[in-house]
Amino acid sequence: MRIKEIPPIMKRIVQLILLWLATLSAWAAPAPIPAPKPSAPDVTIVPAPPSIAAKAYLLMDYDSGAVLAEKDADKRVEPASLTKMMTSYIVAHELDAGKIHLDDKVLISKKAWKMPGSKMFIEVGKKVPVRDLIKGMIVQSGNDATVALAEYIAGSEDVFVQLMNQWAKKLGMTHTHFANSTGLPDPEHYTTARDLTKLARALIHDFPDHYAWYKEKVFTYNGIRQYNRNKLLWQDPSVDGIKTGHTQSAGYCLVASAKRDGMRLISVVLGTDSASRRVSESQKLLNYGFRFFETHRLYKANQRLSDQKVWEGKRDILPVGLTEDLYITIPRGEYKNVQPMMAIEKELKAPIHKGQQVGTLKVMLHDRVLAEKPLVALADVERGGFFKRLMDQAKLAFAHLLGD
């Protein structure tokens, strides 16, 4: 029989079947994730971290949160003046919320003026701008400036300490408790290297303009010129913070951060035996991290990673992606071996809401899981009408018969 002898209705049925099969084929092959293509394994050898002369330490990539080196990172230690990072964080928050302003004049109390330890050398009864007090706290590590800011924000240092502990809980600093705003020794004043890293990441991420003050090397107030105690600022041009600390019981401590070629690292070194040692040990950690590791943003937040078939909806295609940027930190030279893998729910049915998890993205390097994140819907898909749902149900039933 020749094709032209086929009845028109039969020709139309054949065309619809062919079109439907082509559509099924398209559904079965979602758009691939744009990621590096795997090649033959080429494992990079990474040496162990250098020996660090400190009670505890931790080295972390800022973007990915990957820990590159650590020792006793969860051991309880005294933070000394590293405490001022939390005081500074709260000050930045109050500025950002418009509750205080840089030009506000703060009346200096007798308590602030009498604070022992490092000083900005403010005078009791004088009014000092918030801007100057912040620099006195960050650059000069002034206990007097720190208490003056705490009193201005909360009315008293005791109430300010309550804020500090509330913020510590909010930031996930589960092994930290503050007893004062300055870091003076107290049995109930403690933290860990890991918690300090969480605080450092939050400070850099949440208040980048405020963080910029941490790279200032010199501040002069009341005719007294003082230099930032973080000597890495002079030694390593990639370092732009963060804070030193020292008491006899805590030893010499330093939380440092540096950025090279778009990669930022945070090092925490606690309890060294000298000011020079905290600098040299921090430099060792930073150099190790930058030399042997690299960080990549694999995907952006809300980037369309794949289109998935949706059944019984007003629309048939659902874009999926991540809610946050995804960074990975890997040994240098291993990017070509990174393999992302998607696992999507077998049958997605409307209604689907934007942000709803519909699968999982796993990123592998050889046999190691680098990251595992939920894949979410990037758009809403409302439920379709009666006939649309009925048609999709029939298609699904037929697909199941074919073993799809």
Protein backbone atom coordinates (compact mmCIF):
# COMPACT_ATOMS: atom_id res chain seq x y z
CA MET A 1 0.00 0.00 0.00
CA ARG A 2 1.33 3.45 -0.87
CA ILE A 3 1.51 6.22 1.77
CA LYS A 4 -0.96 8.37 -0.11
CA GLU A 5 -3.58 5.61 0.23
CA ILE A 6 -3.48 5.85 4.08
CA PRO A 7 -6.65 7.53 5.36
CA PRO A 8 -6.06 11.08 6.62
CA ILE A 9 -7.16 10.18 10.16
CA MET A 10 -4.54 7.41 10.34
CA LYS A 11 -1.81 9.73 9.05
CA ARG A 12 -2.74 12.21 11.78
CA ILE A 13 -2.57 9.51 14.47
CA VAL A 14 0.90 8.40 13.29
CA GLN A 15 2.13 12.01 13.31
CA LEU A 16 0.86 12.53 16.88
CA ILE A 17 2.52 9.30 18.08
CA LEU A 18 5.85 10.29 16.51
CA LEU A 19 5.61 13.77 18.00
CA TRP A 20 4.77 12.36 21.43
CA LEU A 21 7.69 9.89 21.32
CA ALA A 22 10.04 12.73 20.42
CA THR A 23 8.69 14.70 23.36
CA LEU A 24 9.29 11.76 25.69
CA SER A 25 12.86 11.55 24.43
CA ALA A 26 13.40 15.22 25.20
CA TRP A 27 11.99 14.74 28.71
CA ALA A 28 14.41 11.90 29.30
CA ALA A 29 17.45 14.05 28.53
CA PRO A 30 17.43 17.20 30.71
CA ALA A 31 19.97 19.92 30.07
CA PRO A 32 23.34 18.91 31.54
CA ILE A 33 24.98 20.89 34.32
CA PRO A 34 27.71 23.14 32.90
CA ALA A 35 30.66 21.72 34.80
CA PRO A 36 34.21 20.61 34.17
CA LYS A 37 34.50 17.45 32.09
CA PRO A 38 36.12 14.56 33.93
CA SER A 39 39.33 13.21 32.52
CA ALA A 40 41.64 10.40 33.43
CA PRO A 41 42.45 10.52 37.15
CA ASP A 42 45.48 12.65 37.87
CA VAL A 43 45.75 12.78 41.64
CA THR A 44 47.60 15.73 43.15
CA ILE A 45 49.74 15.00 46.18
CA VAL A 46 49.20 17.51 49.00
CA PRO A 47 51.68 17.50 51.89
CA ALA A 48 50.58 17.61 55.51
CA PRO A 49 50.24 21.09 57.05
CA PRO A 50 53.38 22.60 58.55
CA SER A 51 54.12 22.18 62.23
CA ILE A 52 52.51 25.08 64.11
CA ALA A 53 53.76 26.09 67.56
CA ALA A 54 50.41 27.00 69.10
CA LYS A 55 47.91 25.58 71.58
CA ALA A 56 45.27 25.44 68.86
CA TYR A 57 44.87 26.57 65.26
CA LEU A 58 42.59 26.35 62.24
CA LEU A 59 42.90 27.31 58.57
CA MET A 60 39.70 27.73 56.56
CA ASP A 61 38.70 28.90 53.12
CA TYR A 62 36.35 31.85 53.52
CA ASP A 63 34.01 31.08 50.61
CA SER A 64 33.64 27.31 50.78
CA GLY A 65 34.13 26.88 54.52
CA ALA A 66 36.56 24.02 53.82
CA VAL A 67 38.98 23.36 56.68
CA LEU A 68 42.50 22.96 55.29
CA ALA A 69 44.39 22.45 58.55
CA GLU A 70 43.50 22.26 62.23
CA LYS A 71 44.68 21.23 65.66
CA ASP A 72 42.49 21.21 68.78
CA ALA A 73 40.06 23.52 66.97
CA ASP A 74 37.29 22.75 69.46
CA LYS A 75 39.45 23.06 72.58
CA ARG A 76 38.28 25.73 75.03
CA VAL A 77 40.73 28.65 75.12
CA GLU A 78 40.87 32.25 76.29
CA PRO A 79 40.30 34.70 73.42
CA ALA A 80 42.01 37.73 75.01
CA SER A 81 41.52 40.76 72.75
CA LEU A 82 40.17 38.59 69.94
CA THR A 83 36.98 39.21 71.93
CA LYS A 84 36.88 42.66 70.34
CA MET A 85 35.92 41.00 67.04
CA MET A 86 32.50 40.28 68.56
CA THR A 87 32.25 43.77 70.06
CA SER A 88 33.15 45.14 66.64
CA TYR A 89 30.58 42.91 64.93
CA ILE A 90 27.82 44.25 67.16
CA VAL A 91 28.97 47.84 66.61
CA ALA A 92 28.83 47.26 62.85
CA HIS A 93 25.34 45.80 63.17
CA GLU A 94 24.12 48.80 65.15
CA LEU A 95 25.59 51.16 62.54
CA ASP A 96 24.01 49.20 59.71
CA ALA A 97 20.63 49.28 61.46
CA GLY A 98 20.88 53.05 61.90
CA LYS A 99 20.74 52.81 65.70
CA ILE A 100 24.07 54.62 66.07
CA HIS A 101 26.10 56.76 63.67
CA LEU A 102 29.79 57.32 63.03
CA ASP A 103 29.56 61.00 64.00
CA ASP A 104 27.70 60.38 67.27
CA LYS A 105 29.58 61.78 70.28
CA VAL A 106 30.08 59.33 73.13
CA LEU A 107 30.50 60.62 76.68
CA ILE A 108 33.43 58.75 78.25
CA SER A 109 32.63 57.20 81.61
CA LYS A 110 35.03 56.78 84.50
CA LYS A 111 34.86 53.00 84.05
CA ALA A 112 35.92 53.23 80.40
CA TRP A 113 38.71 55.68 81.23
CA LYS A 114 40.10 53.47 84.01
CA MET A 115 40.23 50.22 81.97
CA PRO A 116 43.56 48.40 82.37
CA GLY A 117 45.59 47.00 79.49
CA SER A 118 45.92 48.47 76.01
CA LYS A 119 44.46 51.95 75.63
CA MET A 120 43.35 54.54 73.12
CA PHE A 121 43.96 57.14 75.87
CA ILE A 122 40.52 58.73 75.93
CA GLU A 123 39.71 61.06 78.84
CA VAL A 124 36.85 60.81 81.32
CA GLY A 125 34.08 63.32 80.73
CA LYS A 126 35.11 64.03 77.13
CA LYS A 127 32.90 63.30 74.12
CA VAL A 128 34.52 61.18 71.43
CA PRO A 129 33.02 60.33 67.99
CA VAL A 130 32.00 56.72 67.41
CA ARG A 131 34.29 56.71 64.36
CA ASP A 132 37.36 57.38 66.52
CA LEU A 133 36.34 54.85 69.15
CA ILE A 134 36.01 52.15 66.49
CA LYS A 135 39.51 52.86 65.21
CA GLY A 136 40.80 52.94 68.77
CA MET A 137 39.27 49.52 69.37
CA ILE A 138 40.38 47.93 66.09
CA VAL A 139 43.79 49.52 65.42
CA GLN A 140 44.99 50.24 68.95
CA SER A 141 43.01 47.43 70.65
CA GLY A 142 41.98 49.97 73.26
CA ASN A 143 40.07 48.50 76.18
CA ASP A 144 38.91 51.99 77.06
CA ALA A 145 37.43 52.58 73.59
CA THR A 146 35.81 49.13 73.64
CA VAL A 147 34.01 49.69 76.93
CA ALA A 148 32.93 53.18 75.83
CA LEU A 149 31.28 51.67 72.73
CA ALA A 150 29.65 48.88 74.74
CA GLU A 151 28.19 51.39 77.19
CA TYR A 152 26.96 53.65 74.40
CA ILE A 153 25.15 50.81 72.63
CA ALA A 154 23.67 48.97 75.61
CA GLY A 155 23.80 51.43 78.52
CA SER A 156 26.25 49.29 80.44
CA GLU A 157 28.92 46.71 79.68
CA ASP A 158 26.95 44.02 81.53
CA VAL A 159 23.96 44.43 79.24
CA PHE A 160 26.25 44.58 76.19
CA VAL A 161 27.72 41.22 77.21
CA GLN A 162 24.22 39.76 76.99
CA LEU A 163 24.10 40.96 73.39
CA MET A 164 27.47 39.34 72.74
CA ASN A 165 26.29 35.95 73.95
CA GLN A 166 23.03 36.21 72.02
CA TRP A 167 24.94 37.00 68.84
CA ALA A 168 27.38 34.17 69.52
CA LYS A 169 24.45 31.76 69.65
CA LYS A 170 22.96 33.21 66.46
CA LEU A 171 26.28 32.81 64.62
CA GLY A 172 26.60 29.19 65.70
CA MET A 173 29.44 29.78 68.16
CA THR A 174 28.29 26.90 70.33
CA HIS A 175 31.44 26.64 72.45
CA THR A 176 31.80 30.33 73.28
CA HIS A 177 30.79 32.41 76.27
CA PHE A 178 31.65 36.05 76.89
CA ALA A 179 31.99 37.73 80.29
CA ASN A 180 33.17 41.15 79.09
CA SER A 181 33.59 43.22 75.92
CA THR A 182 37.40 43.48 75.99
CA GLY A 183 38.84 40.02 76.58
CA LEU A 184 40.27 40.56 80.05
CA PRO A 185 40.70 37.20 81.83
CA ASP A 186 37.64 35.66 83.44
CA PRO A 187 36.81 32.00 84.18
CA GLU A 188 33.55 32.35 82.23
CA HIS A 189 35.18 33.99 79.21
CA TYR A 190 36.16 31.40 76.59
CA THR A 191 35.90 30.32 72.97
CA THR A 192 37.46 27.94 70.40
CA ALA A 193 39.44 28.29 67.20
CA ARG A 194 36.47 27.00 65.20
CA ASP A 195 34.07 29.48 66.76
CA LEU A 196 36.46 32.36 66.08
CA THR A 197 36.54 31.32 62.42
CA LYS A 198 32.75 31.50 62.30
CA LEU A 199 32.89 35.00 63.76
CA ALA A 200 35.59 36.09 61.32
CA ARG A 201 33.57 34.85 58.32
CA ALA A 202 30.48 36.66 59.55
CA LEU A 203 32.38 39.90 60.12
CA ILE A 204 33.86 39.87 56.62
CA HIS A 205 30.65 38.78 54.90
CA ASP A 206 28.06 40.83 56.76
CA PHE A 207 29.92 44.14 57.08
CA PRO A 208 32.60 44.48 54.38
CA ASP A 209 32.83 48.27 54.74
CA HIS A 210 33.38 47.97 58.47
CA TYR A 211 35.89 45.17 57.92
CA ALA A 212 37.99 47.50 55.76
CA TRP A 213 39.12 49.29 58.95
CA TYR A 214 41.00 46.17 60.02
CA LYS A 215 43.77 46.81 57.50
CA GLU A 216 44.57 50.27 58.86
CA LYS A 217 48.12 50.22 60.18
CA VAL A 218 48.26 53.41 62.23
CA PHE A 219 45.87 55.56 64.25
CA THR A 220 46.69 58.74 66.12
CA TYR A 221 44.47 60.07 68.88
CA ASN A 222 45.08 62.69 71.53
CA GLY A 223 48.55 63.24 70.08
CA ILE A 224 49.52 59.61 70.60
CA ARG A 225 50.44 57.62 67.49
CA GLN A 226 49.92 53.86 67.79
CA TYR A 227 50.46 51.02 65.35
CA ASN A 228 48.26 48.04 64.58
CA ARG A 229 49.56 45.01 66.50
CA ASN A 230 48.86 42.74 63.52
CA LYS A 231 52.36 42.83 62.01
CA LEU A 232 51.26 40.64 59.10
CA LEU A 233 49.80 43.83 57.61
CA TRP A 234 53.37 44.99 56.96
CA GLN A 235 54.82 41.59 56.13
CA ASP A 236 52.22 40.24 53.67
CA PRO A 237 50.38 42.66 51.34
CA SER A 238 47.58 40.13 50.81
CA VAL A 239 46.63 40.31 54.52
CA ASP A 240 43.85 42.78 55.37
CA GLY A 241 42.97 41.79 58.96
CA ILE A 242 41.95 40.79 61.49
CA LYS A 243 42.90 40.97 65.18
CA THR A 244 45.57 40.16 67.73
CA GLY A 245 45.11 39.15 71.34
CA HIS A 246 47.36 38.62 74.35
CA THR A 247 47.19 37.98 78.05
CA GLN A 248 49.61 36.02 80.18
CA SER A 249 47.19 33.13 80.47
CA ALA A 250 45.98 33.16 76.84
CA GLY A 251 49.39 33.59 75.24
CA TYR A 252 49.85 35.43 71.97
CA CYS A 253 46.96 34.98 69.52
CA LEU A 254 46.12 36.14 66.01
CA VAL A 255 43.14 35.78 63.70
CA ALA A 256 44.33 36.70 60.21
CA SER A 257 42.73 36.88 56.79
CA ALA A 258 44.34 37.26 53.39
CA LYS A 259 43.13 37.34 49.80
CA ARG A 260 45.20 36.27 46.81
CA ASP A 261 43.90 35.96 43.24
CA GLY A 262 40.30 35.96 44.42
CA MET A 263 40.82 33.28 47.07
CA ARG A 264 40.41 34.32 50.72
CA LEU A 265 41.70 32.32 53.68
CA ILE A 266 41.18 32.77 57.41
CA SER A 267 43.73 31.51 59.92
CA VAL A 268 43.30 31.30 63.68
CA VAL A 269 46.42 30.78 65.79
CA LEU A 270 45.98 30.63 69.57
CA GLY A 271 48.41 30.44 72.46
CA THR A 272 51.83 31.00 70.93
CA ASP A 273 54.76 32.05 73.13
CA SER A 274 55.58 35.44 71.60
CA ALA A 275 54.28 38.25 69.39
CA SER A 276 56.69 37.27 66.62
CA ARG A 277 55.68 33.62 66.84
CA ARG A 278 51.99 34.32 66.30
CA VAL A 279 52.97 36.17 63.11
CA SER A 280 55.30 33.48 61.77
CA GLU A 281 52.90 30.63 62.53
CA SER A 282 49.99 32.47 60.90
CA GLN A 283 52.11 33.15 57.84
CA LYS A 284 53.00 29.45 57.61
CA LEU A 285 49.34 28.48 57.57
CA LEU A 286 48.33 31.08 55.00
CA ASN A 287 51.22 30.21 52.69
CA TYR A 288 50.36 26.51 52.94
CA GLY A 289 46.73 27.11 52.03
CA PHE A 290 47.43 29.37 49.06
CA ARG A 291 50.23 27.16 47.74
CA PHE A 292 48.43 23.83 47.73
CA PHE A 293 44.72 24.64 47.33
CA GLU A 294 42.41 26.55 45.01
CA THR A 295 38.79 27.65 45.36
CA HIS A 296 36.18 27.85 42.61
CA ARG A 297 32.62 29.07 42.48
CA LEU A 298 31.04 26.11 40.77
CA TYR A 299 27.52 27.54 40.48
CA LYS A 300 25.73 30.77 41.31
CA ALA A 301 22.64 31.07 43.47
CA ASN A 302 19.46 30.66 41.35
CA GLN A 303 21.50 29.59 38.32
CA ARG A 304 19.43 27.36 36.03
CA LEU A 305 21.24 24.03 36.22
CA SER A 306 18.65 21.84 34.51
CA ASP A 307 15.12 21.76 33.11
CA GLN A 308 12.91 18.98 34.42
CA LYS A 309 9.61 17.59 33.17
CA VAL A 310 6.62 18.39 35.39
CA TRP A 311 3.37 16.40 35.17
CA GLU A 312 -0.16 17.70 35.68
CA GLY A 313 0.88 21.35 35.74
CA LYS A 314 0.05 24.49 33.81
CA ARG A 315 3.60 24.37 32.48
CA ASP A 316 5.59 21.29 31.54
CA ILE A 317 9.13 22.41 32.32
CA LEU A 318 10.63 23.28 35.72
CA PRO A 319 14.02 25.01 36.04
CA VAL A 320 16.04 23.74 39.02
CA GLY A 321 19.11 25.13 40.78
CA LEU A 322 20.62 26.10 44.14
CA THR A 323 19.57 28.67 46.69
CA GLU A 324 23.15 29.80 47.40
CA ASP A 325 26.44 30.12 45.54
CA LEU A 326 28.36 26.85 45.64
CA TYR A 327 32.11 27.11 46.26
CA ILE A 328 34.53 24.20 46.40
CA THR A 329 38.11 24.15 47.66
CA ILE A 330 40.34 21.49 46.15
CA PRO A 331 44.03 20.64 45.77
CA ARG A 332 45.63 22.71 43.02
CA GLY A 333 45.37 21.06 39.61
CA GLU A 334 42.38 18.87 40.49
CA TYR A 335 39.60 20.98 38.97
CA LYS A 336 39.46 18.80 35.87
CA ASN A 337 38.54 15.82 38.05
CA VAL A 338 35.58 17.47 39.78
CA GLN A 339 32.34 15.63 38.96
CA PRO A 340 28.89 17.04 39.79
CA MET A 341 25.96 14.61 39.87
CA MET A 342 22.24 15.32 40.05
CA ALA A 343 19.58 13.11 41.58
CA ILE A 344 16.05 14.34 40.78
CA GLU A 345 12.76 12.94 42.02
CA LYS A 346 11.54 10.44 39.43
CA GLU A 347 8.16 12.03 38.77
CA LEU A 348 7.59 15.70 39.55
CA LYS A 349 3.91 16.56 39.82
CA ALA A 350 2.30 19.96 40.18
CA PRO A 351 1.74 21.93 42.25
CA ILE A 352 5.40 22.78 42.91
CA HIS A 353 6.45 25.88 44.80
CA LYS A 354 9.54 27.99 44.17
CA GLY A 355 12.24 26.94 46.61
CA GLN A 356 10.81 23.44 47.08
CA GLN A 357 13.47 20.73 47.14
CA VAL A 358 13.15 18.41 44.16
CA GLY A 359 16.51 16.65 44.26
CA THR A 360 20.11 16.71 45.36
CA LEU A 361 23.36 17.90 43.83
CA LYS A 362 26.48 16.02 44.87
CA VAL A 363 29.96 17.18 43.88
CA MET A 364 32.66 14.52 43.89
CA LEU A 365 36.44 14.56 43.62
CA HIS A 366 37.56 11.00 42.99
CA ASP A 367 35.87 9.08 45.84
CA ARG A 368 35.42 12.09 48.13
CA VAL A 369 32.23 14.13 48.49
CA LEU A 370 33.14 17.83 48.26
CA ALA A 371 29.63 19.14 48.67
CA GLU A 372 26.04 17.93 48.83
CA LYS A 373 23.32 20.53 48.36
CA PRO A 374 19.54 20.45 47.82
CA LEU A 375 18.31 21.18 44.32
CA VAL A 376 15.25 23.37 44.41
CA ALA A 377 12.56 24.62 42.06
CA LEU A 378 13.42 28.04 40.64
CA ALA A 379 9.80 28.79 39.73
CA ASP A 380 6.24 27.95 40.74
CA VAL A 381 4.28 25.41 38.74
CA GLU A 382 0.55 25.58 39.38
CA ARG A 383 -1.74 22.60 39.02
CA GLY A 384 -3.16 22.22 35.53
CA GLY A 385 -6.80 21.96 34.53
CA PHE A 386 -8.82 18.77 34.54
CA PHE A 387 -8.10 17.76 30.94
CA LYS A 388 -4.38 18.61 31.27
CA ARG A 389 -4.11 16.41 34.33
CA LEU A 390 -6.07 13.62 32.66
CA MET A 391 -3.85 13.74 29.57
CA ASP A 392 -0.66 13.67 31.67
CA GLN A 393 -1.96 10.77 33.71
CA ALA A 394 -2.60 8.85 30.49
CA LYS A 395 0.90 9.68 29.21
CA LEU A 396 2.43 8.51 32.48
CA ALA A 397 0.50 5.27 32.39
CA PHE A 398 1.63 4.63 28.81
CA ALA A 399 5.23 5.51 29.71
CA HIS A 400 5.13 3.01 32.59
CA LEU A 401 3.91 0.33 30.19
CA LEU A 402 6.90 1.04 27.96
CA GLY A 403 9.17 0.72 30.99
CA ASP A 404 10.26 4.39 31.05
